[in-house]
Amino acid sequence: MITSLELFNKSGIEEVSLRDISSKLNIRVGNLNYYFPSKNDIVHALCMDFIGKVDEAVGEIFKRSFENLFELMYRQADIIFSIQLEYRFIFNKSYAEIITSLPSVQEHFTKVLKIRFDEWMNFHTLLVQQKLAQRRIITDSYPLSYILNILALFWHQEASIYLPDLKDEHKKEHALSIMFHAYKPYLTKKGLDQLMPLLKKLEHY
């Protein structure tokens, strides 16, 4: 799996064959076929590995204590974006094609999206309860969450087009900056006072 991931990340799924993978592993194609009858089976396994790592990371984050809610969300997004970089082949130029070509993965990702939207709604409700945001953020929770989800899925492609010379870490910071700027219109003064120290870390973006 690690070898397949490295090859997919480097060359893209289209350019990598089972023979390439078996050659890199120094085994026969038939031996690889025993475990993975097709390349799609490897892609499926890697996609499920990816979402499993994300779920595990998110679960661990919620077990920790943070000074404020924005710090919690910042750490969560930072870890998720880092895992996406680890599995960059999924999110580069063929994301939709990869996911829709694997119905079970598409179904699982759709279920996960609903969970994420529920998590964002809970987060937005807590912001209002702690007087960090105006009540309209709850009304706008679905469209705001959809915007955040689009950013989370396609920031790699946007950065490749417009920020090709930035290192991966800086591309990630750019995406984080945009994500948190999306919250500013909804926040109270108290909320802005908590958010701004985090944004200052990313102010050069």
N, C-alpha and C. Protein backbone atom coordinates (compact mmCIF):
# COMPACT_ATOMS: atom_id res chain seq x y z
N MET A 1 0.82 -1.21 0.00
CA MET A 1 0.00 0.00 0.00
C MET A 1 0.86 1.26 0.00
N ILE A 2 1.90 1.26 0.78
CA ILE A 2 2.78 2.42 0.84
C ILE A 2 3.43 2.68 -0.51
N THR A 3 3.86 1.61 -1.17
CA THR A 3 4.48 1.75 -2.48
C THR A 3 3.49 2.30 -3.50
N SER A 4 2.28 1.79 -3.49
CA SER A 4 1.24 2.28 -4.40
C SER A 4 0.97 3.75 -4.15
N LEU A 5 0.88 4.12 -2.88
CA LEU A 5 0.62 5.52 -2.53
C LEU A 5 1.73 6.42 -3.05
N GLU A 6 2.97 6.01 -2.87
CA GLU A 6 4.10 6.80 -3.34
C GLU A 6 4.06 6.98 -4.86
N LEU A 7 3.76 5.91 -5.57
CA LEU A 7 3.72 5.98 -7.04
C LEU A 7 2.54 6.83 -7.52
N PHE A 8 1.38 6.65 -6.91
CA PHE A 8 0.21 7.45 -7.29
C PHE A 8 0.46 8.93 -7.02
N ASN A 9 1.05 9.24 -5.87
CA ASN A 9 1.33 10.63 -5.54
C ASN A 9 2.32 11.25 -6.51
N LYS A 10 3.28 10.48 -6.93
CA LYS A 10 4.33 11.00 -7.80
C LYS A 10 3.87 11.15 -9.24
N SER A 11 3.14 10.15 -9.75
CA SER A 11 2.84 10.14 -11.19
C SER A 11 1.36 10.24 -11.53
N GLY A 12 0.48 10.05 -10.55
CA GLY A 12 -0.95 10.03 -10.82
C GLY A 12 -1.42 8.62 -11.13
N ILE A 13 -2.69 8.37 -10.85
CA ILE A 13 -3.23 7.02 -11.03
C ILE A 13 -3.11 6.56 -12.48
N GLU A 14 -3.42 7.47 -13.41
CA GLU A 14 -3.46 7.08 -14.82
C GLU A 14 -2.12 6.54 -15.32
N GLU A 15 -1.03 7.05 -14.78
CA GLU A 15 0.31 6.71 -15.28
C GLU A 15 0.92 5.50 -14.57
N VAL A 16 0.23 4.97 -13.57
CA VAL A 16 0.79 3.85 -12.80
C VAL A 16 -0.03 2.59 -13.07
N SER A 17 0.64 1.51 -13.41
CA SER A 17 -0.01 0.23 -13.67
C SER A 17 0.30 -0.75 -12.54
N LEU A 18 -0.43 -1.86 -12.54
CA LEU A 18 -0.13 -2.91 -11.57
C LEU A 18 1.29 -3.44 -11.77
N ARG A 19 1.71 -3.48 -13.02
CA ARG A 19 3.07 -3.93 -13.31
C ARG A 19 4.10 -2.97 -12.70
N ASP A 20 3.83 -1.68 -12.77
CA ASP A 20 4.73 -0.69 -12.16
C ASP A 20 4.84 -0.93 -10.65
N ILE A 21 3.70 -1.18 -10.04
CA ILE A 21 3.68 -1.39 -8.59
C ILE A 21 4.41 -2.67 -8.22
N SER A 22 4.13 -3.74 -8.95
CA SER A 22 4.78 -5.03 -8.65
C SER A 22 6.28 -4.95 -8.89
N SER A 23 6.67 -4.21 -9.94
CA SER A 23 8.09 -4.05 -10.22
C SER A 23 8.79 -3.30 -9.09
N LYS A 24 8.14 -2.27 -8.59
CA LYS A 24 8.71 -1.50 -7.49
C LYS A 24 8.83 -2.35 -6.23
N LEU A 25 7.88 -3.26 -6.06
CA LEU A 25 7.89 -4.16 -4.90
C LEU A 25 8.80 -5.37 -5.11
N ASN A 26 9.25 -5.52 -6.36
CA ASN A 26 10.09 -6.67 -6.73
C ASN A 26 9.35 -7.99 -6.54
N ILE A 27 8.08 -8.01 -6.96
CA ILE A 27 7.29 -9.23 -6.92
C ILE A 27 6.61 -9.40 -8.27
N ARG A 28 6.03 -10.55 -8.52
CA ARG A 28 5.32 -10.80 -9.76
C ARG A 28 3.95 -10.14 -9.73
N VAL A 29 3.45 -9.77 -10.91
CA VAL A 29 2.13 -9.16 -11.00
C VAL A 29 1.07 -10.10 -10.44
N GLY A 30 1.23 -11.40 -10.71
CA GLY A 30 0.27 -12.38 -10.21
C GLY A 30 0.16 -12.38 -8.69
N ASN A 31 1.28 -12.18 -8.02
CA ASN A 31 1.26 -12.12 -6.56
C ASN A 31 0.48 -10.90 -6.06
N LEU A 32 0.67 -9.78 -6.77
CA LEU A 32 -0.07 -8.57 -6.41
C LEU A 32 -1.56 -8.75 -6.69
N ASN A 33 -1.88 -9.42 -7.83
CA ASN A 33 -3.28 -9.66 -8.20
C ASN A 33 -4.01 -10.52 -7.17
N TYR A 34 -3.28 -11.34 -6.45
CA TYR A 34 -3.91 -12.20 -5.44
C TYR A 34 -4.60 -11.35 -4.37
N TYR A 35 -3.97 -10.23 -4.01
CA TYR A 35 -4.51 -9.35 -2.99
C TYR A 35 -5.35 -8.22 -3.58
N PHE A 36 -4.95 -7.76 -4.76
CA PHE A 36 -5.65 -6.66 -5.42
C PHE A 36 -5.88 -7.03 -6.89
N PRO A 37 -7.04 -7.58 -7.22
CA PRO A 37 -7.31 -8.02 -8.59
C PRO A 37 -7.22 -6.91 -9.64
N SER A 38 -7.45 -5.66 -9.22
CA SER A 38 -7.37 -4.54 -10.17
C SER A 38 -6.76 -3.33 -9.47
N LYS A 39 -6.37 -2.37 -10.26
CA LYS A 39 -5.82 -1.13 -9.70
C LYS A 39 -6.88 -0.39 -8.88
N ASN A 40 -8.13 -0.49 -9.31
CA ASN A 40 -9.21 0.16 -8.56
C ASN A 40 -9.32 -0.38 -7.14
N ASP A 41 -8.98 -1.65 -6.96
CA ASP A 41 -9.02 -2.23 -5.61
C ASP A 41 -7.98 -1.57 -4.71
N ILE A 42 -6.83 -1.23 -5.28
CA ILE A 42 -5.80 -0.54 -4.51
C ILE A 42 -6.25 0.88 -4.19
N VAL A 43 -6.82 1.55 -5.19
CA VAL A 43 -7.31 2.92 -4.99
C VAL A 43 -8.39 2.93 -3.91
N HIS A 44 -9.29 1.95 -3.97
CA HIS A 44 -10.35 1.84 -2.97
C HIS A 44 -9.75 1.71 -1.58
N ALA A 45 -8.79 0.83 -1.43
CA ALA A 45 -8.16 0.61 -0.13
C ALA A 45 -7.48 1.88 0.38
N LEU A 46 -6.81 2.60 -0.50
CA LEU A 46 -6.13 3.82 -0.09
C LEU A 46 -7.13 4.91 0.30
N CYS A 47 -8.24 5.01 -0.43
CA CYS A 47 -9.27 5.99 -0.08
C CYS A 47 -9.85 5.70 1.30
N MET A 48 -10.08 4.43 1.59
CA MET A 48 -10.62 4.07 2.89
C MET A 48 -9.58 4.27 3.99
N ASP A 49 -8.31 4.04 3.67
CA ASP A 49 -7.24 4.34 4.63
C ASP A 49 -7.23 5.83 4.95
N PHE A 50 -7.38 6.64 3.91
CA PHE A 50 -7.38 8.09 4.09
C PHE A 50 -8.48 8.52 5.05
N ILE A 51 -9.72 8.13 4.76
CA ILE A 51 -10.84 8.58 5.59
C ILE A 51 -10.73 8.01 6.99
N GLY A 52 -10.15 6.81 7.12
CA GLY A 52 -9.93 6.23 8.44
C GLY A 52 -8.96 7.07 9.26
N LYS A 53 -7.89 7.54 8.62
CA LYS A 53 -6.91 8.39 9.32
C LYS A 53 -7.55 9.71 9.74
N VAL A 54 -8.38 10.26 8.87
CA VAL A 54 -9.06 11.52 9.19
C VAL A 54 -9.98 11.32 10.39
N ASP A 55 -10.80 10.26 10.35
CA ASP A 55 -11.73 10.00 11.46
C ASP A 55 -10.97 9.81 12.77
N GLU A 56 -9.86 9.10 12.72
CA GLU A 56 -9.06 8.86 13.93
C GLU A 56 -8.48 10.17 14.46
N ALA A 57 -7.97 11.00 13.54
CA ALA A 57 -7.37 12.27 13.95
C ALA A 57 -8.41 13.20 14.55
N VAL A 58 -9.60 13.27 13.92
CA VAL A 58 -10.66 14.13 14.43
C VAL A 58 -11.10 13.66 15.81
N GLY A 59 -11.22 12.34 15.98
CA GLY A 59 -11.59 11.80 17.29
C GLY A 59 -10.60 12.16 18.37
N GLU A 60 -9.32 12.10 18.05
CA GLU A 60 -8.28 12.43 19.02
C GLU A 60 -8.31 13.91 19.38
N ILE A 61 -8.58 14.75 18.38
CA ILE A 61 -8.63 16.19 18.63
C ILE A 61 -9.70 16.53 19.66
N PHE A 62 -10.87 15.90 19.54
CA PHE A 62 -11.97 16.23 20.44
C PHE A 62 -11.75 15.73 21.86
N LYS A 63 -10.72 14.92 22.06
CA LYS A 63 -10.40 14.45 23.41
C LYS A 63 -9.51 15.44 24.15
N ARG A 64 -8.96 16.41 23.42
CA ARG A 64 -8.02 17.35 24.02
C ARG A 64 -8.75 18.63 24.42
N SER A 65 -8.11 19.41 25.27
CA SER A 65 -8.67 20.70 25.68
C SER A 65 -7.93 21.82 24.98
N PHE A 66 -8.68 22.86 24.62
CA PHE A 66 -8.10 24.00 23.92
C PHE A 66 -8.59 25.28 24.58
N GLU A 67 -7.82 26.33 24.42
CA GLU A 67 -8.17 27.60 25.05
C GLU A 67 -9.44 28.19 24.47
N ASN A 68 -9.69 27.99 23.19
CA ASN A 68 -10.92 28.49 22.59
C ASN A 68 -11.35 27.60 21.42
N LEU A 69 -12.57 27.79 20.97
CA LEU A 69 -13.14 26.94 19.93
C LEU A 69 -12.39 27.08 18.61
N PHE A 70 -11.89 28.26 18.32
CA PHE A 70 -11.18 28.45 17.06
C PHE A 70 -9.86 27.68 17.04
N GLU A 71 -9.24 27.60 18.19
CA GLU A 71 -8.01 26.81 18.29
C GLU A 71 -8.30 25.34 18.00
N LEU A 72 -9.44 24.86 18.52
CA LEU A 72 -9.85 23.48 18.26
C LEU A 72 -10.06 23.25 16.76
N MET A 73 -10.81 24.15 16.13
CA MET A 73 -11.10 23.99 14.70
C MET A 73 -9.83 24.13 13.87
N TYR A 74 -8.97 25.06 14.27
CA TYR A 74 -7.72 25.27 13.54
C TYR A 74 -6.88 23.99 13.56
N ARG A 75 -6.75 23.40 14.73
CA ARG A 75 -5.93 22.19 14.84
C ARG A 75 -6.54 21.05 14.05
N GLN A 76 -7.86 20.93 14.08
CA GLN A 76 -8.54 19.88 13.34
C GLN A 76 -8.31 20.06 11.84
N ALA A 77 -8.52 21.27 11.33
CA ALA A 77 -8.34 21.52 9.90
C ALA A 77 -6.89 21.31 9.48
N ASP A 78 -5.96 21.74 10.31
CA ASP A 78 -4.54 21.60 10.00
C ASP A 78 -4.16 20.12 9.85
N ILE A 79 -4.65 19.28 10.73
CA ILE A 79 -4.35 17.85 10.67
C ILE A 79 -5.00 17.22 9.43
N ILE A 80 -6.25 17.56 9.17
CA ILE A 80 -6.94 17.01 8.00
C ILE A 80 -6.22 17.40 6.71
N PHE A 81 -5.83 18.66 6.62
CA PHE A 81 -5.12 19.11 5.41
C PHE A 81 -3.78 18.39 5.27
N SER A 82 -3.13 18.13 6.38
CA SER A 82 -1.84 17.40 6.34
C SER A 82 -2.04 15.97 5.84
N ILE A 83 -3.12 15.33 6.29
CA ILE A 83 -3.41 13.97 5.82
C ILE A 83 -3.75 13.99 4.34
N GLN A 84 -4.43 15.03 3.89
CA GLN A 84 -4.73 15.16 2.47
C GLN A 84 -3.45 15.25 1.65
N LEU A 85 -2.47 15.95 2.16
CA LEU A 85 -1.19 16.03 1.46
C LEU A 85 -0.52 14.67 1.39
N GLU A 86 -0.69 13.87 2.44
CA GLU A 86 -0.13 12.53 2.47
C GLU A 86 -0.77 11.65 1.39
N TYR A 87 -2.04 11.90 1.10
CA TYR A 87 -2.79 11.16 0.08
C TYR A 87 -3.14 12.09 -1.08
N ARG A 88 -2.19 12.87 -1.52
CA ARG A 88 -2.46 13.95 -2.47
C ARG A 88 -3.02 13.46 -3.80
N PHE A 89 -2.74 12.21 -4.18
CA PHE A 89 -3.21 11.73 -5.48
C PHE A 89 -4.74 11.76 -5.56
N ILE A 90 -5.43 11.62 -4.41
CA ILE A 90 -6.89 11.64 -4.40
C ILE A 90 -7.41 13.02 -4.76
N PHE A 91 -6.68 14.06 -4.33
CA PHE A 91 -7.20 15.42 -4.38
C PHE A 91 -6.60 16.27 -5.49
N ASN A 92 -5.68 15.73 -6.24
CA ASN A 92 -5.06 16.55 -7.27
C ASN A 92 -6.05 16.82 -8.40
N LYS A 93 -5.81 16.38 -9.59
CA LYS A 93 -6.67 16.78 -10.70
C LYS A 93 -7.83 15.84 -10.98
N SER A 94 -7.90 14.68 -10.34
CA SER A 94 -8.91 13.69 -10.70
C SER A 94 -9.81 13.30 -9.54
N TYR A 95 -10.01 14.19 -8.57
CA TYR A 95 -10.76 13.84 -7.37
C TYR A 95 -12.15 13.28 -7.69
N ALA A 96 -12.94 14.04 -8.47
CA ALA A 96 -14.30 13.60 -8.76
C ALA A 96 -14.32 12.27 -9.50
N GLU A 97 -13.40 12.11 -10.46
CA GLU A 97 -13.35 10.87 -11.23
C GLU A 97 -12.99 9.67 -10.35
N ILE A 98 -12.07 9.88 -9.43
CA ILE A 98 -11.67 8.80 -8.53
C ILE A 98 -12.84 8.37 -7.65
N ILE A 99 -13.48 9.33 -7.01
CA ILE A 99 -14.54 9.00 -6.06
C ILE A 99 -15.76 8.41 -6.75
N THR A 100 -16.18 8.99 -7.86
CA THR A 100 -17.38 8.49 -8.53
C THR A 100 -17.15 7.15 -9.23
N SER A 101 -15.90 6.79 -9.47
CA SER A 101 -15.63 5.50 -10.10
C SER A 101 -15.66 4.36 -9.09
N LEU A 102 -15.76 4.70 -7.81
CA LEU A 102 -15.78 3.70 -6.74
C LEU A 102 -17.05 3.92 -5.91
N PRO A 103 -18.17 3.30 -6.31
CA PRO A 103 -19.46 3.57 -5.65
C PRO A 103 -19.44 3.41 -4.14
N SER A 104 -18.75 2.40 -3.63
CA SER A 104 -18.74 2.21 -2.17
C SER A 104 -17.99 3.33 -1.47
N VAL A 105 -16.93 3.84 -2.11
CA VAL A 105 -16.19 4.97 -1.55
C VAL A 105 -17.05 6.23 -1.62
N GLN A 106 -17.72 6.44 -2.75
CA GLN A 106 -18.59 7.60 -2.89
C GLN A 106 -19.69 7.59 -1.83
N GLU A 107 -20.28 6.43 -1.58
CA GLU A 107 -21.32 6.30 -0.57
C GLU A 107 -20.76 6.61 0.82
N HIS A 108 -19.57 6.10 1.10
CA HIS A 108 -18.97 6.34 2.41
C HIS A 108 -18.62 7.82 2.59
N PHE A 109 -18.03 8.43 1.57
CA PHE A 109 -17.69 9.85 1.65
C PHE A 109 -18.94 10.70 1.86
N THR A 110 -20.05 10.31 1.22
CA THR A 110 -21.30 11.05 1.38
C THR A 110 -21.80 10.97 2.81
N LYS A 111 -21.69 9.79 3.42
CA LYS A 111 -22.09 9.63 4.82
C LYS A 111 -21.19 10.46 5.74
N VAL A 112 -19.90 10.47 5.45
CA VAL A 112 -18.96 11.24 6.25
C VAL A 112 -19.27 12.73 6.14
N LEU A 113 -19.66 13.19 4.95
CA LEU A 113 -19.98 14.60 4.76
C LEU A 113 -21.13 15.02 5.67
N LYS A 114 -22.16 14.18 5.80
CA LYS A 114 -23.27 14.50 6.68
C LYS A 114 -22.78 14.63 8.13
N ILE A 115 -21.88 13.75 8.53
CA ILE A 115 -21.32 13.83 9.88
C ILE A 115 -20.57 15.14 10.06
N ARG A 116 -19.78 15.53 9.05
CA ARG A 116 -19.02 16.78 9.12
C ARG A 116 -19.97 17.98 9.23
N PHE A 117 -21.07 17.95 8.46
CA PHE A 117 -22.03 19.05 8.51
C PHE A 117 -22.66 19.14 9.90
N ASP A 118 -22.94 17.99 10.51
CA ASP A 118 -23.48 17.99 11.88
C ASP A 118 -22.45 18.55 12.86
N GLU A 119 -21.18 18.19 12.66
CA GLU A 119 -20.11 18.71 13.53
C GLU A 119 -20.00 20.23 13.38
N TRP A 120 -20.08 20.72 12.14
CA TRP A 120 -20.01 22.17 11.93
C TRP A 120 -21.21 22.87 12.57
N MET A 121 -22.41 22.28 12.46
CA MET A 121 -23.58 22.88 13.10
C MET A 121 -23.38 22.96 14.61
N ASN A 122 -22.85 21.91 15.21
CA ASN A 122 -22.58 21.92 16.65
C ASN A 122 -21.56 23.00 16.99
N PHE A 123 -20.53 23.12 16.15
CA PHE A 123 -19.50 24.14 16.36
C PHE A 123 -20.11 25.54 16.28
N HIS A 124 -20.95 25.77 15.27
CA HIS A 124 -21.57 27.09 15.09
C HIS A 124 -22.53 27.40 16.24
N THR A 125 -23.22 26.39 16.73
CA THR A 125 -24.11 26.59 17.88
C THR A 125 -23.33 26.96 19.12
N LEU A 126 -22.19 26.31 19.32
CA LEU A 126 -21.34 26.64 20.47
C LEU A 126 -20.80 28.06 20.36
N LEU A 127 -20.47 28.48 19.16
CA LEU A 127 -19.99 29.86 18.97
C LEU A 127 -21.04 30.86 19.44
N VAL A 128 -22.30 30.59 19.09
CA VAL A 128 -23.39 31.49 19.51
C VAL A 128 -23.59 31.41 21.01
N GLN A 129 -23.57 30.21 21.56
CA GLN A 129 -23.78 30.04 23.01
C GLN A 129 -22.71 30.75 23.82
N GLN A 130 -21.49 30.79 23.31
CA GLN A 130 -20.39 31.45 24.00
C GLN A 130 -20.26 32.92 23.60
N LYS A 131 -21.26 33.41 22.86
CA LYS A 131 -21.31 34.82 22.43
C LYS A 131 -20.10 35.20 21.57
N LEU A 132 -19.62 34.23 20.81
CA LEU A 132 -18.52 34.47 19.90
C LEU A 132 -19.00 34.77 18.49
N ALA A 133 -20.27 34.42 18.20
CA ALA A 133 -20.83 34.64 16.87
C ALA A 133 -22.28 35.07 16.98
N GLN A 134 -22.76 35.74 15.93
CA GLN A 134 -24.16 36.14 15.85
C GLN A 134 -25.03 34.92 15.51
N ARG A 135 -26.31 35.00 15.85
CA ARG A 135 -27.21 33.86 15.65
C ARG A 135 -27.37 33.49 14.18
N ARG A 136 -27.16 34.43 13.28
CA ARG A 136 -27.36 34.12 11.86
C ARG A 136 -26.37 33.07 11.34
N ILE A 137 -25.29 32.81 12.09
CA ILE A 137 -24.36 31.76 11.65
C ILE A 137 -25.04 30.39 11.70
N ILE A 138 -26.02 30.23 12.60
CA ILE A 138 -26.75 28.97 12.66
C ILE A 138 -27.66 28.83 11.44
N THR A 139 -28.33 29.92 11.07
CA THR A 139 -29.17 29.91 9.88
C THR A 139 -28.34 29.61 8.63
N ASP A 140 -27.14 30.16 8.59
CA ASP A 140 -26.26 29.99 7.43
C ASP A 140 -25.33 28.79 7.55
N SER A 141 -25.54 27.94 8.55
CA SER A 141 -24.59 26.86 8.81
C SER A 141 -24.41 25.94 7.62
N TYR A 142 -25.51 25.57 6.95
CA TYR A 142 -25.39 24.64 5.82
C TYR A 142 -24.60 25.25 4.66
N PRO A 143 -24.96 26.44 4.14
CA PRO A 143 -24.15 26.99 3.05
C PRO A 143 -22.72 27.29 3.45
N LEU A 144 -22.52 27.76 4.69
CA LEU A 144 -21.16 28.02 5.15
C LEU A 144 -20.37 26.73 5.21
N SER A 145 -20.98 25.66 5.70
CA SER A 145 -20.31 24.36 5.77
C SER A 145 -20.00 23.85 4.37
N TYR A 146 -20.90 24.09 3.44
CA TYR A 146 -20.66 23.65 2.07
C TYR A 146 -19.46 24.37 1.47
N ILE A 147 -19.35 25.66 1.74
CA ILE A 147 -18.20 26.44 1.27
C ILE A 147 -16.91 25.88 1.87
N LEU A 148 -16.94 25.60 3.17
CA LEU A 148 -15.76 25.06 3.84
C LEU A 148 -15.39 23.69 3.28
N ASN A 149 -16.40 22.88 2.95
CA ASN A 149 -16.14 21.56 2.40
C ASN A 149 -15.50 21.66 1.01
N ILE A 150 -16.01 22.56 0.19
CA ILE A 150 -15.42 22.77 -1.15
C ILE A 150 -13.97 23.20 -1.02
N LEU A 151 -13.71 24.12 -0.11
CA LEU A 151 -12.33 24.55 0.13
C LEU A 151 -11.47 23.38 0.57
N ALA A 152 -12.00 22.57 1.49
CA ALA A 152 -11.22 21.46 2.03
C ALA A 152 -10.88 20.43 0.96
N LEU A 153 -11.74 20.28 -0.04
CA LEU A 153 -11.51 19.28 -1.08
C LEU A 153 -10.66 19.77 -2.24
N PHE A 154 -10.73 21.07 -2.52
CA PHE A 154 -10.12 21.56 -3.76
C PHE A 154 -9.03 22.59 -3.56
N TRP A 155 -8.57 22.80 -2.31
CA TRP A 155 -7.53 23.80 -2.10
C TRP A 155 -6.23 23.40 -2.79
N HIS A 156 -5.99 22.09 -2.93
CA HIS A 156 -4.77 21.62 -3.60
C HIS A 156 -4.73 22.09 -5.05
N GLN A 157 -5.87 21.95 -5.74
CA GLN A 157 -5.91 22.33 -7.15
C GLN A 157 -5.78 23.84 -7.32
N GLU A 158 -6.47 24.59 -6.46
CA GLU A 158 -6.39 26.04 -6.52
C GLU A 158 -4.97 26.52 -6.30
N ALA A 159 -4.29 25.92 -5.32
CA ALA A 159 -2.91 26.31 -5.03
C ALA A 159 -1.97 25.93 -6.18
N SER A 160 -2.23 24.80 -6.82
CA SER A 160 -1.38 24.37 -7.94
C SER A 160 -1.47 25.35 -9.10
N ILE A 161 -2.66 25.95 -9.28
CA ILE A 161 -2.86 26.90 -10.38
C ILE A 161 -2.26 28.26 -10.06
N TYR A 162 -2.59 28.78 -8.88
CA TYR A 162 -2.27 30.17 -8.58
C TYR A 162 -1.06 30.37 -7.67
N LEU A 163 -0.66 29.32 -6.97
CA LEU A 163 0.48 29.43 -6.05
C LEU A 163 1.46 28.29 -6.28
N PRO A 164 1.85 28.05 -7.51
CA PRO A 164 2.66 26.86 -7.81
C PRO A 164 4.04 26.85 -7.16
N ASP A 165 4.55 28.02 -6.80
CA ASP A 165 5.90 28.10 -6.27
C ASP A 165 5.96 27.95 -4.74
N LEU A 166 4.80 27.93 -4.10
CA LEU A 166 4.79 27.78 -2.65
C LEU A 166 5.06 26.33 -2.25
N LYS A 167 5.71 26.17 -1.11
CA LYS A 167 5.90 24.84 -0.56
C LYS A 167 4.56 24.33 -0.02
N ASP A 168 4.45 23.01 0.14
CA ASP A 168 3.19 22.42 0.60
C ASP A 168 2.70 23.04 1.90
N GLU A 169 3.59 23.25 2.85
CA GLU A 169 3.19 23.79 4.14
C GLU A 169 2.58 25.18 3.98
N HIS A 170 3.14 25.98 3.08
CA HIS A 170 2.62 27.33 2.86
C HIS A 170 1.31 27.31 2.09
N LYS A 171 1.15 26.34 1.18
CA LYS A 171 -0.13 26.19 0.49
C LYS A 171 -1.22 25.83 1.49
N LYS A 172 -0.88 24.97 2.44
CA LYS A 172 -1.83 24.58 3.47
C LYS A 172 -2.21 25.78 4.33
N GLU A 173 -1.22 26.58 4.71
CA GLU A 173 -1.49 27.75 5.53
C GLU A 173 -2.37 28.75 4.79
N HIS A 174 -2.17 28.87 3.49
CA HIS A 174 -3.00 29.75 2.67
C HIS A 174 -4.46 29.30 2.73
N ALA A 175 -4.70 27.99 2.60
CA ALA A 175 -6.06 27.46 2.66
C ALA A 175 -6.68 27.66 4.05
N LEU A 176 -5.89 27.46 5.09
CA LEU A 176 -6.37 27.68 6.45
C LEU A 176 -6.77 29.13 6.66
N SER A 177 -5.97 30.04 6.13
CA SER A 177 -6.27 31.46 6.26
C SER A 177 -7.61 31.80 5.62
N ILE A 178 -7.85 31.28 4.42
CA ILE A 178 -9.12 31.54 3.73
C ILE A 178 -10.28 30.96 4.53
N MET A 179 -10.10 29.77 5.05
CA MET A 179 -11.17 29.11 5.82
C MET A 179 -11.59 29.98 7.01
N PHE A 180 -10.63 30.49 7.74
CA PHE A 180 -10.98 31.25 8.93
C PHE A 180 -11.45 32.66 8.61
N HIS A 181 -11.00 33.22 7.52
CA HIS A 181 -11.52 34.52 7.11
C HIS A 181 -13.01 34.43 6.78
N ALA A 182 -13.47 33.25 6.35
CA ALA A 182 -14.88 33.08 6.02
C ALA A 182 -15.78 33.27 7.25
N TYR A 183 -15.21 33.13 8.44
CA TYR A 183 -15.98 33.27 9.67
C TYR A 183 -16.12 34.72 10.14
N LYS A 184 -15.24 35.59 9.71
CA LYS A 184 -15.18 36.93 10.26
C LYS A 184 -16.51 37.70 10.22
N PRO A 185 -17.26 37.65 9.10
CA PRO A 185 -18.52 38.43 9.08
C PRO A 185 -19.55 37.99 10.12
N TYR A 186 -19.42 36.79 10.65
CA TYR A 186 -20.40 36.26 11.58
C TYR A 186 -20.04 36.53 13.05
N LEU A 187 -18.84 36.98 13.31
CA LEU A 187 -18.35 37.00 14.70
C LEU A 187 -18.68 38.28 15.44
N THR A 188 -18.82 38.14 16.74
CA THR A 188 -18.93 39.28 17.62
C THR A 188 -17.52 39.81 17.90
N LYS A 189 -17.44 40.90 18.64
CA LYS A 189 -16.12 41.42 19.00
C LYS A 189 -15.35 40.39 19.81
N LYS A 190 -16.04 39.71 20.71
CA LYS A 190 -15.40 38.67 21.52
C LYS A 190 -14.86 37.55 20.62
N GLY A 191 -15.65 37.20 19.62
CA GLY A 191 -15.21 36.16 18.70
C GLY A 191 -14.01 36.59 17.89
N LEU A 192 -14.03 37.81 17.41
CA LEU A 192 -12.89 38.32 16.64
C LEU A 192 -11.63 38.38 17.50
N ASP A 193 -11.80 38.74 18.77
CA ASP A 193 -10.65 38.79 19.67
C ASP A 193 -10.01 37.41 19.84
N GLN A 194 -10.83 36.36 19.78
CA GLN A 194 -10.28 35.00 19.89
C GLN A 194 -9.70 34.51 18.57
N LEU A 195 -10.31 34.93 17.46
CA LEU A 195 -9.87 34.43 16.16
C LEU A 195 -8.59 35.10 15.68
N MET A 196 -8.45 36.40 15.91
CA MET A 196 -7.36 37.16 15.29
C MET A 196 -5.97 36.65 15.64
N PRO A 197 -5.70 36.19 16.88
CA PRO A 197 -4.36 35.65 17.14
C PRO A 197 -4.01 34.47 16.24
N LEU A 198 -5.01 33.65 15.88
CA LEU A 198 -4.76 32.53 14.97
C LEU A 198 -4.50 33.03 13.56
N LEU A 199 -5.27 34.03 13.15
CA LEU A 199 -5.08 34.57 11.80
C LEU A 199 -3.74 35.27 11.65
N LYS A 200 -3.24 35.84 12.75
CA LYS A 200 -1.95 36.52 12.68
C LYS A 200 -0.82 35.56 12.33
N LYS A 201 -1.01 34.28 12.68
CA LYS A 201 -0.01 33.28 12.30
C LYS A 201 0.05 33.13 10.78
N LEU A 202 -1.06 33.50 10.12
CA LEU A 202 -1.18 33.30 8.68
C LEU A 202 -1.30 34.62 7.95
N GLU A 203 -0.96 35.73 8.60
CA GLU A 203 -1.26 37.04 8.05
C GLU A 203 -0.57 37.33 6.73
N HIS A 204 0.56 36.64 6.43
CA HIS A 204 1.24 36.89 5.17
C HIS A 204 0.50 36.27 4.00
N TYR A 205 -0.63 35.61 4.27
CA TYR A 205 -1.46 35.10 3.20
C TYR A 205 -2.75 35.89 3.11
